[in-house]
């Protein structure tokens, strides 16, 4: 069995100062190997998976304007399969294990000429990178044990008009704020999705309209009552129809009114799409990266469970994934957030305990975010999902989220 059959993709977002996702670092973690760089045979898998996200008809990258950061070792750097990657959207992060020989330098320069971008990880720790710094498009700096003064010095040393600096391992909002004040503009980590200091006593009123509609649908209110619920906030109607008519939904006809949507979708599908309104209802109080991460969670959880559940429960999986960040969105503890919603017990069990019929699928989705290879392998084996299936679902979920245009 080739090593690529054991490789799972993990991802971490890279965001700008407005917390908009500008790219993802994709990790290829292999059984018995701690390196993030793919094995020789994995580059074929990597190229195949990422290449399938290109829309051949429009010659556009389905991950929108976002970049794919891939760590490359010496073998991968020289692999012919690298040429299969979408060059303008691929950033090659040179592993510190690469011996920067004249041949390696020439290869990096040639790749840049072919429109690939080059990133270096913590060059201050690896003297061999010195000669590559003039060719770097991105410098990534680990902020795990760096104080504010050190962070500012490193930024001044490496940031140039041609080279952007990315602060890595940013895991707390306070750390993000401090680095922002120091002048950093790109950040890697899930700081925006961590439930820190959830002490709010009142939920932001901008969520009230969607909470009301969610409960009307779950209580089987009649169509007229639901339509009147939408009239309380006309922007909700506009957003819902826009999402339903997006590429991500895949309907053959345009839905023109809430009444039409109720007729075509049915209650369970409507509830599913109302969860998207919940994500985007915060009057710009929610991080754009948080919105996209929660929607991607919803779609990935649904896709992972597709072989095992009927349509209704697949919609429930979507709700589980999206609402798994409800506490962070509403800035209240999860149990308090769930008091506002009348959800089926299996959904509540998955959200509060990561247990029940939906729990393992949500845990696998979260493990893909953390690039936690041991957990991904364990959960995938439990659910009888092979790496190829998990990776395919992962990339499809990212592309689907982009297609919504949120």
Protein backbone atom coordinates (compact mmCIF):
# COMPACT_ATOMS: atom_id res chain seq x y z
CA UNK A 1 0.00 0.00 0.00
CA UNK A 2 1.41 3.41 -0.93
CA UNK A 3 1.92 6.04 1.71
CA UNK A 4 -0.59 8.37 0.03
CA UNK A 5 -3.38 5.94 0.96
CA UNK A 6 -2.66 6.77 4.61
CA UNK A 7 -2.52 10.56 4.15
CA UNK A 8 -5.24 12.85 5.45
CA UNK A 9 -5.46 16.54 4.69
CA UNK A 10 -5.72 19.01 7.55
CA UNK A 11 -6.06 22.75 7.13
CA UNK A 12 -5.44 26.02 8.94
CA UNK A 13 -6.82 29.35 7.73
CA UNK A 14 -4.69 32.40 7.01
CA UNK A 15 -6.60 35.64 7.54
CA UNK A 16 -6.02 39.35 7.00
CA UNK A 17 -6.46 42.18 9.49
CA UNK A 18 -10.25 42.19 8.85
CA UNK A 19 -10.30 38.45 9.66
CA UNK A 20 -11.17 37.56 6.07
CA UNK A 21 -9.70 34.22 4.94
CA UNK A 22 -7.04 34.81 2.29
CA UNK A 23 -5.74 31.24 2.12
CA UNK A 24 -5.35 27.87 3.80
CA UNK A 25 -2.27 25.93 4.73
CA UNK A 26 -2.98 22.31 3.85
CA UNK A 27 -1.23 19.68 5.97
CA UNK A 28 -0.57 16.17 4.71
CA UNK A 29 -0.08 14.13 7.85
CA UNK A 30 1.12 10.58 7.31
CA UNK A 31 0.86 7.58 9.58
CA UNK A 32 3.99 7.30 11.70
CA UNK A 33 5.36 10.61 10.41
CA UNK A 34 5.21 14.00 12.10
CA UNK A 35 6.24 16.07 9.09
CA UNK A 36 3.65 18.30 7.44
CA UNK A 37 5.32 17.82 4.06
CA UNK A 38 3.81 15.17 1.78
CA UNK A 39 5.69 11.99 0.94
CA UNK A 40 6.84 11.56 -2.65
CA UNK A 41 3.72 9.61 -3.59
CA UNK A 42 1.50 12.08 -1.74
CA UNK A 43 2.23 14.92 -4.14
CA UNK A 44 0.21 12.99 -6.73
CA UNK A 45 -2.72 12.86 -4.31
CA UNK A 46 -2.20 16.51 -3.37
CA UNK A 47 -2.09 17.69 -6.97
CA UNK A 48 -5.09 15.57 -7.91
CA UNK A 49 -7.25 16.80 -5.02
CA UNK A 50 -6.39 20.48 -5.39
CA UNK A 51 -6.61 20.37 -9.18
CA UNK A 52 -10.18 19.06 -8.99
CA UNK A 53 -11.18 22.37 -7.40
CA UNK A 54 -10.42 24.19 -10.64
CA UNK A 55 -13.46 24.96 -12.75
CA UNK A 56 -12.16 23.97 -16.18
CA UNK A 57 -14.95 25.83 -17.96
CA UNK A 58 -14.10 29.18 -16.41
CA UNK A 59 -10.44 28.45 -15.69
CA UNK A 60 -10.98 29.78 -12.18
CA UNK A 61 -9.90 28.43 -8.80
CA UNK A 62 -13.03 27.34 -6.93
CA UNK A 63 -11.53 28.52 -3.66
CA UNK A 64 -12.09 32.07 -4.91
CA UNK A 65 -9.19 34.43 -4.29
CA UNK A 66 -7.77 32.16 -1.62
CA UNK A 67 -4.31 30.66 -1.79
CA UNK A 68 -3.24 27.09 -1.03
CA UNK A 69 -0.10 26.97 1.13
CA UNK A 70 1.69 23.59 0.80
CA UNK A 71 4.80 22.59 2.75
CA UNK A 72 7.36 21.02 0.41
CA UNK A 73 10.42 18.96 1.22
CA UNK A 74 13.37 18.30 -1.10
CA UNK A 75 11.67 15.38 -2.86
CA UNK A 76 8.46 17.28 -3.46
CA UNK A 77 10.34 20.41 -4.57
CA UNK A 78 11.85 18.45 -7.43
CA UNK A 79 8.77 16.39 -8.26
CA UNK A 80 7.28 16.75 -11.73
CA UNK A 81 3.82 16.43 -10.15
CA UNK A 82 4.28 19.90 -8.67
CA UNK A 83 3.57 21.28 -12.14
CA UNK A 84 -0.01 19.91 -11.89
CA UNK A 85 -0.82 22.39 -9.14
CA UNK A 86 -2.60 25.67 -10.01
CA UNK A 87 0.55 27.83 -9.93
CA UNK A 88 -0.98 31.27 -9.38
CA UNK A 89 -2.95 30.02 -6.37
CA UNK A 90 -0.24 27.83 -4.82
CA UNK A 91 2.31 28.98 -2.25
CA UNK A 92 5.19 26.55 -1.76
CA UNK A 93 6.38 26.64 1.84
CA UNK A 94 9.96 25.38 1.78
CA UNK A 95 10.61 22.89 4.57
CA UNK A 96 13.57 23.63 6.87
CA UNK A 97 14.81 20.13 5.98
CA UNK A 98 15.64 21.32 2.44
CA UNK A 99 19.36 21.76 1.81
CA UNK A 100 19.54 25.06 -0.08
CA UNK A 101 22.01 23.99 -2.76
CA UNK A 102 22.54 25.90 -6.04
CA UNK A 103 20.20 23.33 -7.64
CA UNK A 104 17.47 23.97 -5.04
CA UNK A 105 17.89 27.73 -5.54
CA UNK A 106 17.56 27.33 -9.30
CA UNK A 107 14.43 25.21 -8.85
CA UNK A 108 12.80 27.83 -6.58
CA UNK A 109 13.60 30.61 -9.07
CA UNK A 110 12.18 28.54 -11.95
CA UNK A 111 8.99 27.85 -9.97
CA UNK A 112 8.60 31.57 -9.25
CA UNK A 113 8.97 32.29 -12.95
CA UNK A 114 6.15 29.79 -13.50
CA UNK A 115 3.98 31.94 -11.16
CA UNK A 116 4.25 29.80 -8.02
CA UNK A 117 4.81 31.77 -4.81
CA UNK A 118 7.50 30.91 -2.25
CA UNK A 119 7.15 31.00 1.54
CA UNK A 120 9.81 30.50 4.22
CA UNK A 121 9.00 29.37 7.74
CA UNK A 122 10.95 31.04 10.57
CA UNK A 123 14.10 31.90 8.58
CA UNK A 124 15.59 33.48 11.73
CA UNK A 125 15.97 29.92 13.07
CA UNK A 126 17.41 28.37 9.89
CA UNK A 127 20.53 30.10 8.48
CA UNK A 128 20.36 28.06 5.26
CA UNK A 129 17.29 30.11 4.26
CA UNK A 130 19.31 33.34 4.10
CA UNK A 131 19.99 33.06 0.36
CA UNK A 132 16.31 32.31 -0.36
CA UNK A 133 14.90 35.35 1.49
CA UNK A 134 15.16 37.70 -1.58
CA UNK A 135 12.89 35.26 -3.49
CA UNK A 136 10.28 34.84 -0.74
CA UNK A 137 6.75 36.13 -1.26
CA UNK A 138 5.80 35.23 2.32
CA UNK A 139 7.74 34.86 5.57
CA UNK A 140 5.95 32.94 8.32
CA UNK A 141 6.90 33.62 11.93
CA UNK A 142 5.91 31.42 14.88
CA UNK A 143 4.38 33.59 17.62
CA UNK A 144 4.14 30.86 20.27
CA UNK A 145 6.82 32.32 22.57
CA UNK A 146 7.38 35.78 21.10
CA UNK A 147 6.69 38.96 23.09
CA UNK A 148 5.42 42.22 21.55
CA UNK A 149 8.88 43.79 21.21
CA UNK A 150 10.33 40.70 19.51
CA UNK A 151 7.31 40.49 17.19
CA UNK A 152 7.83 44.10 16.09
CA UNK A 153 11.56 43.58 15.47
CA UNK A 154 10.94 40.47 13.36
CA UNK A 155 8.30 42.29 11.32
CA UNK A 156 10.68 45.18 10.62
CA UNK A 157 13.41 42.73 9.62
CA UNK A 158 11.43 40.68 7.11
CA UNK A 159 8.52 42.72 5.76
CA UNK A 160 9.17 44.41 2.41
CA UNK A 161 6.89 45.63 -0.41
CA UNK A 162 7.56 42.30 -2.18
CA UNK A 163 7.31 40.05 0.88
CA UNK A 164 4.40 39.72 3.31
CA UNK A 165 4.85 38.46 6.85
CA UNK A 166 2.38 35.97 8.36
CA UNK A 167 2.12 35.56 12.13
CA UNK A 168 1.77 31.81 12.80
CA UNK A 169 0.21 29.94 15.74
CA UNK A 170 -2.07 32.81 16.72
CA UNK A 171 -4.54 31.05 19.02
CA UNK A 172 -6.04 33.83 21.17
CA UNK A 173 -7.94 36.99 20.31
CA UNK A 174 -5.75 39.06 22.63
CA UNK A 175 -2.67 37.82 20.76
CA UNK A 176 -4.29 38.78 17.43
CA UNK A 177 -5.06 42.29 18.74
CA UNK A 178 -1.52 42.75 20.06
CA UNK A 179 0.05 41.65 16.76
CA UNK A 180 -2.34 43.84 14.81
CA UNK A 181 -1.20 46.83 16.86
CA UNK A 182 2.43 45.84 16.18
CA UNK A 183 1.77 46.14 12.44
CA UNK A 184 1.07 42.54 11.36
CA UNK A 185 -1.52 42.14 8.60
CA UNK A 186 -1.68 38.36 8.03
CA UNK A 187 -2.35 35.73 10.69
CA UNK A 188 -2.56 31.93 10.82
CA UNK A 189 -4.58 30.10 13.46
CA UNK A 190 -8.08 29.55 14.82
CA UNK A 191 -8.02 32.40 17.36
CA UNK A 192 -11.35 33.72 16.03
CA UNK A 193 -13.14 30.39 16.66
CA UNK A 194 -12.11 29.90 20.29
CA UNK A 195 -14.83 30.29 22.95
CA UNK A 196 -12.98 32.81 25.14
CA UNK A 197 -14.62 34.75 27.98
CA UNK A 198 -18.21 33.99 26.98
CA UNK A 199 -19.71 36.17 29.70
CA UNK A 200 -22.39 37.99 27.69
CA UNK A 201 -25.72 38.01 29.55
CA UNK A 202 -27.77 39.04 26.50
CA UNK A 203 -27.62 37.73 22.94
CA UNK A 204 -27.07 40.40 20.27
CA UNK A 205 -30.60 41.53 19.21
CA UNK A 206 -29.62 41.20 15.53
CA UNK A 207 -29.95 37.41 15.99
CA UNK A 208 -33.51 37.62 17.37
CA UNK A 209 -35.26 37.50 13.99
CA UNK A 210 -33.50 34.32 12.89
CA UNK A 211 -33.96 32.64 16.28
CA UNK A 212 -37.69 33.41 16.02
CA UNK A 213 -37.89 31.94 12.50
CA UNK A 214 -35.90 28.83 13.47
CA UNK A 215 -38.35 28.14 16.28
CA UNK A 216 -41.39 28.77 14.04
CA UNK A 217 -40.11 26.15 11.59
CA UNK A 218 -39.23 23.60 14.30
CA UNK A 219 -42.70 24.09 15.86
CA UNK A 220 -44.35 23.31 12.51
CA UNK A 221 -46.00 26.75 12.24
CA UNK A 222 -48.10 27.22 9.10
CA UNK A 223 -46.59 28.79 5.99
CA UNK A 224 -48.38 32.11 6.44
CA UNK A 225 -46.97 32.54 9.97
CA UNK A 226 -43.45 31.78 8.70
CA UNK A 227 -43.84 34.25 5.81
CA UNK A 228 -44.97 36.93 8.29
CA UNK A 229 -41.91 36.11 10.42
CA UNK A 230 -39.70 37.01 7.47
CA UNK A 231 -41.52 40.33 7.05
CA UNK A 232 -40.15 41.45 10.42
CA UNK A 233 -36.75 41.79 8.74
CA UNK A 234 -36.72 42.14 4.95
CA UNK A 235 -32.94 41.65 4.78
CA UNK A 236 -33.44 38.06 6.00
CA UNK A 237 -35.72 37.31 3.03
CA UNK A 238 -33.18 38.83 0.64
CA UNK A 239 -30.27 36.86 2.11
CA UNK A 240 -32.16 33.57 2.22
CA UNK A 241 -33.26 33.82 -1.42
CA UNK A 242 -29.71 34.76 -2.44
CA UNK A 243 -28.26 31.68 -0.72
CA UNK A 244 -30.95 29.36 -2.09
CA UNK A 245 -30.36 30.63 -5.63
CA UNK A 246 -26.56 30.34 -5.32
CA UNK A 247 -24.42 27.78 -7.09
CA UNK A 248 -24.05 25.91 -3.81
CA UNK A 249 -27.72 24.96 -3.68
CA UNK A 250 -27.96 23.64 -7.24
CA UNK A 251 -31.66 24.27 -7.97
CA UNK A 252 -32.78 24.15 -11.59
CA UNK A 253 -35.19 27.10 -11.21
CA UNK A 254 -34.95 30.47 -9.49
CA UNK A 255 -36.81 30.79 -6.18
CA UNK A 256 -38.50 34.20 -6.17
CA UNK A 257 -40.31 34.42 -2.83
CA UNK A 258 -40.39 32.93 0.68
CA UNK A 259 -43.72 31.26 -0.18
CA UNK A 260 -42.10 29.69 -3.23
CA UNK A 261 -39.15 28.57 -1.07
CA UNK A 262 -41.49 26.91 1.45
CA UNK A 263 -43.25 25.02 -1.35
CA UNK A 264 -40.06 23.81 -3.03
CA UNK A 265 -37.83 23.17 -0.03
CA UNK A 266 -40.02 21.82 2.73
CA UNK A 267 -39.45 22.49 6.43
CA UNK A 268 -36.25 20.57 7.02
CA UNK A 269 -34.43 22.16 4.09
CA UNK A 270 -35.71 25.60 5.12
CA UNK A 271 -34.35 25.06 8.65
CA UNK A 272 -31.01 24.10 7.18
CA UNK A 273 -30.79 27.34 5.21
CA UNK A 274 -31.97 29.42 8.13
CA UNK A 275 -28.86 28.25 9.99
CA UNK A 276 -26.85 30.13 7.34
CA UNK A 277 -28.82 33.27 8.13
CA UNK A 278 -27.94 32.73 11.79
CA UNK A 279 -24.25 32.73 10.87
CA UNK A 280 -24.50 36.00 8.90
CA UNK A 281 -27.07 37.84 11.05
CA UNK A 282 -24.68 39.52 13.46
CA UNK A 283 -24.62 42.99 11.82
CA UNK A 284 -20.90 42.62 11.11
CA UNK A 285 -20.21 41.63 14.73
CA UNK A 286 -18.98 38.17 13.64
CA UNK A 287 -15.58 37.56 12.09
CA UNK A 288 -15.85 36.72 8.35
CA UNK A 289 -13.49 33.80 9.00
CA UNK A 290 -15.79 32.55 11.76
CA UNK A 291 -18.76 32.63 9.37
CA UNK A 292 -16.91 30.66 6.69
CA UNK A 293 -15.49 28.17 9.18
CA UNK A 294 -18.92 27.42 10.65
CA UNK A 295 -20.49 26.97 7.20
CA UNK A 296 -17.60 24.76 6.06
CA UNK A 297 -18.08 22.71 9.23
CA UNK A 298 -21.75 22.28 8.36
CA UNK A 299 -21.08 21.11 4.81
CA UNK A 300 -18.14 18.86 5.75
CA UNK A 301 -20.09 17.18 8.58
CA UNK A 302 -22.96 16.60 6.16
CA UNK A 303 -20.73 15.17 3.39
CA UNK A 304 -18.91 12.84 5.79
CA UNK A 305 -22.26 11.44 6.96
CA UNK A 306 -23.81 11.22 3.49
CA UNK A 307 -23.33 7.44 3.06
CA UNK A 308 -24.98 6.70 6.42
CA UNK A 309 -28.07 8.91 6.73
CA UNK A 310 -31.27 9.80 4.89
CA UNK A 311 -31.89 13.33 3.59
CA UNK A 312 -33.50 14.58 6.82
CA UNK A 313 -30.62 13.47 8.99
CA UNK A 314 -28.08 14.82 6.49
CA UNK A 315 -29.73 18.21 6.94
CA UNK A 316 -29.41 17.69 10.70
CA UNK A 317 -25.68 16.98 10.26
CA UNK A 318 -25.37 20.32 8.44
CA UNK A 319 -27.11 22.06 11.36
CA UNK A 320 -24.78 20.30 13.83
CA UNK A 321 -21.69 21.51 11.96
CA UNK A 322 -22.86 25.11 11.57
CA UNK A 323 -24.12 25.39 15.15
CA UNK A 324 -20.94 23.87 16.62
CA UNK A 325 -19.61 27.45 16.76
CA UNK A 326 -22.90 28.96 17.97
CA UNK A 327 -21.41 29.84 21.36
CA UNK A 328 -18.62 31.84 19.73
CA UNK A 329 -21.06 33.52 17.31
CA UNK A 330 -23.51 34.54 20.02
CA UNK A 331 -20.77 35.15 22.61
CA UNK A 332 -22.58 33.08 25.24
CA UNK A 333 -21.92 29.56 26.59
CA UNK A 334 -23.32 26.76 24.41
CA UNK A 335 -25.97 25.61 26.90
CA UNK A 336 -27.28 29.18 27.14
CA UNK A 337 -27.32 29.51 23.33
CA UNK A 338 -29.25 26.25 22.97
CA UNK A 339 -31.90 27.44 25.44
CA UNK A 340 -33.06 29.82 22.71
CA UNK A 341 -33.57 27.01 20.20
CA UNK A 342 -35.81 23.98 20.14
CA UNK A 343 -33.50 21.37 18.64
CA UNK A 344 -33.86 17.57 18.45
CA UNK A 345 -32.01 15.69 21.19
CA UNK A 346 -29.43 14.06 18.82
CA UNK A 347 -28.35 17.55 17.66
CA UNK A 348 -28.09 18.82 21.24
CA UNK A 349 -26.11 15.72 22.26
CA UNK A 350 -23.63 16.28 19.42
CA UNK A 351 -23.24 19.99 20.21
CA UNK A 352 -22.83 19.66 23.98
CA UNK A 353 -21.03 16.31 24.34
CA UNK A 354 -19.79 15.42 20.82
CA UNK A 355 -21.73 12.18 21.33
CA UNK A 356 -24.75 10.36 19.86
CA UNK A 357 -25.30 9.46 16.21
CA UNK A 358 -23.98 12.80 14.90
CA UNK A 359 -21.13 13.31 17.39
CA UNK A 360 -18.36 11.32 15.63
CA UNK A 361 -18.94 13.14 12.32
CA UNK A 362 -18.59 16.53 14.02
CA UNK A 363 -15.45 15.35 15.83
CA UNK A 364 -13.92 14.24 12.52
CA UNK A 365 -14.71 17.64 10.98
CA UNK A 366 -13.02 19.40 13.91
CA UNK A 367 -10.00 17.08 13.70
CA UNK A 368 -9.52 18.07 10.04
CA UNK A 369 -9.26 21.70 11.18
CA UNK A 370 -6.66 20.88 13.80
CA UNK A 371 -4.67 18.70 11.39
CA UNK A 372 -4.84 16.14 14.19
CA UNK A 373 -3.70 13.08 12.26
CA UNK A 374 -4.10 10.54 15.07
CA UNK A 375 -7.66 11.69 15.77
CA UNK A 376 -8.55 11.86 12.06
CA UNK A 377 -7.28 8.31 11.50
CA UNK A 378 -9.08 6.97 14.58
CA UNK A 379 -12.42 8.60 13.73
CA UNK A 380 -12.20 7.77 10.02
CA UNK A 381 -11.56 4.12 10.91
CA UNK A 382 -14.52 4.16 13.32
CA UNK A 383 -16.78 5.54 10.58
CA UNK A 384 -15.21 3.26 7.91
CA UNK A 385 -14.15 6.24 5.78
CA UNK A 386 -10.89 5.99 3.83
CA UNK A 387 -8.48 8.95 3.43
CA UNK A 388 -9.50 9.55 -0.18
CA UNK A 389 -13.15 9.96 0.85
CA UNK A 390 -12.36 12.24 3.81
CA UNK A 391 -10.04 14.42 1.69
CA UNK A 392 -12.57 14.66 -1.13
CA UNK A 393 -15.32 15.73 1.30
CA UNK A 394 -12.94 18.27 2.87
CA UNK A 395 -12.09 20.01 -0.40
CA UNK A 396 -15.70 19.86 -1.64
CA UNK A 397 -16.88 21.55 1.55
CA UNK A 398 -14.39 24.42 1.14
CA UNK A 399 -15.38 24.95 -2.50
CA UNK A 400 -19.12 24.75 -1.66
CA UNK A 401 -18.75 27.46 0.97
CA UNK A 402 -17.02 29.73 -1.53
CA UNK A 403 -19.81 29.14 -4.06
CA UNK A 404 -22.31 30.69 -1.62
CA UNK A 405 -20.59 34.05 -2.03
CA UNK A 406 -20.69 34.88 1.69
